Amino acid sequence: MRELGELATRKDAFDRLGIAVYAISTQPGGLAELQEDLGAAVTLLSDPEGVAVAEFGMAERFGLARAGTFLLDRDGRVVHRWLAENYRKRPSPDDLLEKARG
């Protein structure tokens, strides 16, 4: 969850753009501790049934979810979508801020 910590360090920059950062996990446990570590910088949501995963097109075989990052506008429309080919390579907070400004 290193990427969530990196996003948390850029909270002020996201706030200035009016962007709230959320993370969705299909894992049923452990989110409370992680939320405490991240404070209010990132809001963690639980999706153990995979409803959001299916809606965002992130479903994989065997009930796994593909890593992804989405930027939504104020009306809830997806304006940027990134789905991992390799879960270890994810966009940096700076990459996301650039897309949000763009």
N, C-alpha and C. Protein backbone atom coordinates (compact mmCIF):
# COMPACT_ATOMS: atom_id res chain seq x y z
N MET A 1 0.81 -1.20 0.00
CA MET A 1 0.00 0.00 0.00
C MET A 1 0.86 1.27 0.00
N ARG A 2 2.09 1.13 -0.46
CA ARG A 2 2.99 2.28 -0.52
C ARG A 2 2.38 3.44 -1.28
N GLU A 3 1.66 3.13 -2.37
CA GLU A 3 1.10 4.20 -3.20
C GLU A 3 0.07 5.03 -2.44
N LEU A 4 -0.64 4.44 -1.50
CA LEU A 4 -1.59 5.20 -0.71
C LEU A 4 -0.87 6.19 0.21
N GLY A 5 0.24 5.75 0.77
CA GLY A 5 1.03 6.65 1.59
C GLY A 5 1.58 7.82 0.78
N GLU A 6 1.98 7.53 -0.46
CA GLU A 6 2.47 8.59 -1.34
C GLU A 6 1.36 9.57 -1.69
N LEU A 7 0.17 9.05 -1.95
CA LEU A 7 -0.97 9.93 -2.22
C LEU A 7 -1.29 10.79 -1.00
N ALA A 8 -1.20 10.19 0.18
CA ALA A 8 -1.50 10.92 1.41
C ALA A 8 -0.56 12.11 1.60
N THR A 9 0.69 11.96 1.19
CA THR A 9 1.65 13.06 1.35
C THR A 9 1.35 14.23 0.42
N ARG A 10 0.53 14.02 -0.58
CA ARG A 10 0.19 15.07 -1.54
C ARG A 10 -1.24 15.59 -1.34
N LYS A 11 -1.81 15.32 -0.17
CA LYS A 11 -3.20 15.71 0.10
C LYS A 11 -3.47 17.18 -0.19
N ASP A 12 -2.59 18.07 0.23
CA ASP A 12 -2.81 19.51 0.01
C ASP A 12 -2.94 19.84 -1.47
N ALA A 13 -2.11 19.23 -2.29
CA ALA A 13 -2.17 19.49 -3.74
C ALA A 13 -3.48 19.00 -4.33
N PHE A 14 -3.93 17.82 -3.91
CA PHE A 14 -5.22 17.31 -4.38
C PHE A 14 -6.36 18.19 -3.88
N ASP A 15 -6.29 18.62 -2.62
CA ASP A 15 -7.32 19.49 -2.06
C ASP A 15 -7.45 20.79 -2.86
N ARG A 16 -6.32 21.38 -3.24
CA ARG A 16 -6.35 22.64 -4.00
C ARG A 16 -7.07 22.47 -5.34
N LEU A 17 -7.04 21.26 -5.88
CA LEU A 17 -7.74 20.98 -7.14
C LEU A 17 -9.17 20.50 -6.91
N GLY A 18 -9.57 20.41 -5.65
CA GLY A 18 -10.92 19.93 -5.33
C GLY A 18 -11.07 18.44 -5.50
N ILE A 19 -9.99 17.70 -5.34
CA ILE A 19 -10.00 16.25 -5.55
C ILE A 19 -9.93 15.53 -4.21
N ALA A 20 -10.89 14.67 -3.98
CA ALA A 20 -10.87 13.79 -2.81
C ALA A 20 -10.28 12.45 -3.26
N VAL A 21 -9.44 11.85 -2.44
CA VAL A 21 -8.78 10.59 -2.79
C VAL A 21 -9.44 9.46 -2.02
N TYR A 22 -9.91 8.46 -2.76
CA TYR A 22 -10.53 7.27 -2.19
C TYR A 22 -9.78 6.04 -2.67
N ALA A 23 -9.75 5.02 -1.84
CA ALA A 23 -9.19 3.73 -2.24
C ALA A 23 -10.23 2.67 -1.92
N ILE A 24 -10.39 1.73 -2.82
CA ILE A 24 -11.36 0.65 -2.63
C ILE A 24 -10.60 -0.66 -2.56
N SER A 25 -10.91 -1.46 -1.56
CA SER A 25 -10.25 -2.75 -1.38
C SER A 25 -11.30 -3.85 -1.32
N THR A 26 -10.99 -4.99 -1.94
CA THR A 26 -11.88 -6.14 -1.85
C THR A 26 -11.53 -7.01 -0.65
N GLN A 27 -10.44 -6.68 0.03
CA GLN A 27 -10.06 -7.45 1.21
C GLN A 27 -10.99 -7.08 2.36
N PRO A 28 -11.54 -8.09 3.04
CA PRO A 28 -12.53 -7.81 4.08
C PRO A 28 -11.97 -7.23 5.37
N GLY A 29 -10.69 -7.33 5.62
CA GLY A 29 -10.17 -6.85 6.90
C GLY A 29 -8.95 -5.98 6.75
N GLY A 30 -8.56 -5.38 7.87
CA GLY A 30 -7.34 -4.60 7.93
C GLY A 30 -7.45 -3.15 7.50
N LEU A 31 -8.62 -2.74 7.04
CA LEU A 31 -8.75 -1.36 6.56
C LEU A 31 -8.75 -0.34 7.69
N ALA A 32 -9.28 -0.70 8.84
CA ALA A 32 -9.36 0.25 9.96
C ALA A 32 -7.96 0.70 10.38
N GLU A 33 -7.03 -0.23 10.47
CA GLU A 33 -5.66 0.12 10.86
C GLU A 33 -5.01 0.99 9.80
N LEU A 34 -5.20 0.63 8.55
CA LEU A 34 -4.61 1.41 7.46
C LEU A 34 -5.22 2.80 7.42
N GLN A 35 -6.53 2.91 7.63
CA GLN A 35 -7.19 4.21 7.65
C GLN A 35 -6.61 5.08 8.77
N GLU A 36 -6.36 4.48 9.91
CA GLU A 36 -5.77 5.23 11.01
C GLU A 36 -4.38 5.75 10.64
N ASP A 37 -3.59 4.92 9.96
CA ASP A 37 -2.25 5.33 9.53
C ASP A 37 -2.31 6.48 8.53
N LEU A 38 -3.29 6.45 7.63
CA LEU A 38 -3.40 7.46 6.58
C LEU A 38 -4.12 8.72 7.04
N GLY A 39 -4.81 8.65 8.17
CA GLY A 39 -5.59 9.79 8.64
C GLY A 39 -6.70 10.10 7.65
N ALA A 40 -6.96 11.38 7.46
CA ALA A 40 -8.05 11.79 6.57
C ALA A 40 -7.56 12.02 5.14
N ALA A 41 -6.29 11.74 4.86
CA ALA A 41 -5.73 12.04 3.55
C ALA A 41 -6.35 11.17 2.45
N VAL A 42 -6.64 9.93 2.77
CA VAL A 42 -7.24 8.98 1.82
C VAL A 42 -8.38 8.29 2.53
N THR A 43 -9.54 8.25 1.89
CA THR A 43 -10.68 7.54 2.46
C THR A 43 -10.70 6.13 1.90
N LEU A 44 -10.68 5.14 2.79
CA LEU A 44 -10.69 3.74 2.37
C LEU A 44 -12.11 3.20 2.39
N LEU A 45 -12.46 2.51 1.33
CA LEU A 45 -13.77 1.90 1.20
C LEU A 45 -13.61 0.40 0.99
N SER A 46 -14.52 -0.37 1.54
CA SER A 46 -14.47 -1.82 1.42
C SER A 46 -15.48 -2.31 0.39
N ASP A 47 -15.04 -3.21 -0.48
CA ASP A 47 -15.90 -3.78 -1.53
C ASP A 47 -15.71 -5.30 -1.57
N PRO A 48 -16.01 -6.00 -0.45
CA PRO A 48 -15.76 -7.45 -0.42
C PRO A 48 -16.58 -8.24 -1.43
N GLU A 49 -17.70 -7.71 -1.88
CA GLU A 49 -18.53 -8.41 -2.87
C GLU A 49 -18.08 -8.12 -4.30
N GLY A 50 -17.17 -7.15 -4.48
CA GLY A 50 -16.65 -6.83 -5.81
C GLY A 50 -17.59 -6.04 -6.70
N VAL A 51 -18.55 -5.34 -6.10
CA VAL A 51 -19.52 -4.56 -6.88
C VAL A 51 -18.82 -3.42 -7.63
N ALA A 52 -18.04 -2.62 -6.92
CA ALA A 52 -17.32 -1.51 -7.57
C ALA A 52 -16.30 -2.05 -8.56
N VAL A 53 -15.64 -3.13 -8.20
CA VAL A 53 -14.65 -3.74 -9.08
C VAL A 53 -15.30 -4.10 -10.42
N ALA A 54 -16.47 -4.68 -10.39
CA ALA A 54 -17.16 -5.04 -11.63
C ALA A 54 -17.59 -3.80 -12.41
N GLU A 55 -18.13 -2.81 -11.71
CA GLU A 55 -18.60 -1.59 -12.36
C GLU A 55 -17.47 -0.82 -13.05
N PHE A 56 -16.29 -0.85 -12.46
CA PHE A 56 -15.16 -0.13 -13.02
C PHE A 56 -14.34 -0.98 -13.99
N GLY A 57 -14.80 -2.20 -14.26
CA GLY A 57 -14.12 -3.06 -15.23
C GLY A 57 -12.78 -3.59 -14.75
N MET A 58 -12.69 -3.85 -13.46
CA MET A 58 -11.42 -4.28 -12.88
C MET A 58 -11.41 -5.75 -12.47
N ALA A 59 -12.49 -6.48 -12.76
CA ALA A 59 -12.58 -7.87 -12.33
C ALA A 59 -11.59 -8.75 -13.09
N GLU A 60 -10.97 -9.62 -12.35
CA GLU A 60 -10.03 -10.59 -12.89
C GLU A 60 -10.57 -11.99 -12.58
N ARG A 61 -9.83 -12.98 -13.00
CA ARG A 61 -10.22 -14.35 -12.70
C ARG A 61 -10.09 -14.64 -11.21
N PHE A 62 -10.83 -15.63 -10.76
CA PHE A 62 -10.76 -16.13 -9.39
C PHE A 62 -11.13 -15.08 -8.35
N GLY A 63 -11.95 -14.11 -8.72
CA GLY A 63 -12.42 -13.11 -7.77
C GLY A 63 -11.41 -12.03 -7.42
N LEU A 64 -10.32 -11.98 -8.13
CA LEU A 64 -9.30 -10.96 -7.86
C LEU A 64 -9.65 -9.67 -8.59
N ALA A 65 -9.12 -8.58 -8.08
CA ALA A 65 -9.34 -7.27 -8.71
C ALA A 65 -8.02 -6.77 -9.29
N ARG A 66 -8.12 -6.22 -10.46
CA ARG A 66 -6.97 -5.60 -11.11
C ARG A 66 -6.75 -4.22 -10.49
N ALA A 67 -5.52 -3.85 -10.25
CA ALA A 67 -5.23 -2.52 -9.70
C ALA A 67 -5.62 -1.47 -10.73
N GLY A 68 -6.20 -0.39 -10.26
CA GLY A 68 -6.59 0.67 -11.18
C GLY A 68 -6.67 2.00 -10.47
N THR A 69 -6.60 3.06 -11.26
CA THR A 69 -6.73 4.41 -10.76
C THR A 69 -7.67 5.16 -11.68
N PHE A 70 -8.61 5.88 -11.10
CA PHE A 70 -9.60 6.62 -11.86
C PHE A 70 -9.71 8.04 -11.33
N LEU A 71 -9.83 8.98 -12.23
CA LEU A 71 -10.14 10.36 -11.85
C LEU A 71 -11.55 10.65 -12.34
N LEU A 72 -12.38 11.12 -11.43
CA LEU A 72 -13.76 11.45 -11.77
C LEU A 72 -13.95 12.96 -11.64
N ASP A 73 -14.79 13.51 -12.50
CA ASP A 73 -15.08 14.94 -12.38
C ASP A 73 -16.15 15.15 -11.32
N ARG A 74 -16.54 16.39 -11.11
CA ARG A 74 -17.51 16.71 -10.05
C ARG A 74 -18.88 16.08 -10.28
N ASP A 75 -19.16 15.69 -11.53
CA ASP A 75 -20.44 15.03 -11.85
C ASP A 75 -20.34 13.51 -11.77
N GLY A 76 -19.19 13.01 -11.36
CA GLY A 76 -19.01 11.56 -11.22
C GLY A 76 -18.63 10.85 -12.50
N ARG A 77 -18.29 11.60 -13.55
CA ARG A 77 -17.86 10.97 -14.80
C ARG A 77 -16.37 10.67 -14.75
N VAL A 78 -15.99 9.51 -15.25
CA VAL A 78 -14.59 9.14 -15.30
C VAL A 78 -13.91 9.96 -16.39
N VAL A 79 -12.89 10.74 -16.00
CA VAL A 79 -12.16 11.56 -16.96
C VAL A 79 -10.76 11.02 -17.21
N HIS A 80 -10.31 10.10 -16.40
CA HIS A 80 -9.03 9.42 -16.62
C HIS A 80 -9.13 8.04 -16.00
N ARG A 81 -8.64 7.05 -16.76
CA ARG A 81 -8.70 5.66 -16.29
C ARG A 81 -7.36 5.00 -16.55
N TRP A 82 -6.84 4.34 -15.55
CA TRP A 82 -5.60 3.59 -15.68
C TRP A 82 -5.82 2.24 -15.04
N LEU A 83 -5.60 1.16 -15.80
CA LEU A 83 -5.68 -0.21 -15.28
C LEU A 83 -4.31 -0.86 -15.39
N ALA A 84 -3.89 -1.50 -14.34
CA ALA A 84 -2.54 -2.07 -14.28
C ALA A 84 -2.38 -3.26 -15.19
N GLU A 85 -1.30 -3.24 -15.94
CA GLU A 85 -0.84 -4.44 -16.64
C GLU A 85 0.07 -5.21 -15.68
N ASN A 86 0.74 -4.45 -14.83
CA ASN A 86 1.63 -5.00 -13.82
C ASN A 86 1.32 -4.24 -12.53
N TYR A 87 0.82 -4.92 -11.51
CA TYR A 87 0.36 -4.24 -10.30
C TYR A 87 1.47 -3.46 -9.59
N ARG A 88 2.72 -3.74 -9.92
CA ARG A 88 3.83 -3.04 -9.27
C ARG A 88 4.11 -1.68 -9.90
N LYS A 89 3.60 -1.45 -11.10
CA LYS A 89 3.82 -0.17 -11.78
C LYS A 89 2.51 0.61 -11.76
N ARG A 90 2.51 1.68 -10.98
CA ARG A 90 1.31 2.50 -10.82
C ARG A 90 1.67 3.96 -11.05
N PRO A 91 0.70 4.76 -11.41
CA PRO A 91 1.00 6.18 -11.61
C PRO A 91 1.38 6.84 -10.29
N SER A 92 2.31 7.76 -10.36
CA SER A 92 2.73 8.49 -9.17
C SER A 92 1.69 9.57 -8.85
N PRO A 93 1.71 10.08 -7.63
CA PRO A 93 0.81 11.20 -7.30
C PRO A 93 1.02 12.38 -8.26
N ASP A 94 2.27 12.64 -8.66
CA ASP A 94 2.53 13.73 -9.59
C ASP A 94 1.89 13.48 -10.95
N ASP A 95 1.93 12.22 -11.41
CA ASP A 95 1.27 11.86 -12.67
C ASP A 95 -0.23 12.13 -12.58
N LEU A 96 -0.81 11.75 -11.46
CA LEU A 96 -2.25 11.94 -11.28
C LEU A 96 -2.61 13.42 -11.19
N LEU A 97 -1.79 14.19 -10.49
CA LEU A 97 -2.04 15.62 -10.40
C LEU A 97 -1.94 16.28 -11.77
N GLU A 98 -0.98 15.85 -12.58
CA GLU A 98 -0.85 16.39 -13.93
C GLU A 98 -2.09 16.08 -14.76
N LYS A 99 -2.58 14.84 -14.68
CA LYS A 99 -3.81 14.47 -15.41
C LYS A 99 -4.99 15.31 -14.92
N ALA A 100 -5.08 15.51 -13.61
CA ALA A 100 -6.20 16.27 -13.04
C ALA A 100 -6.17 17.73 -13.50
N ARG A 101 -4.98 18.29 -13.64
CA ARG A 101 -4.84 19.67 -14.07
C ARG A 101 -5.10 19.82 -15.56
N GLY A 102 -4.84 18.73 -16.31
CA GLY A 102 -4.83 18.76 -17.75
C GLY A 102 -6.12 18.96 -18.41
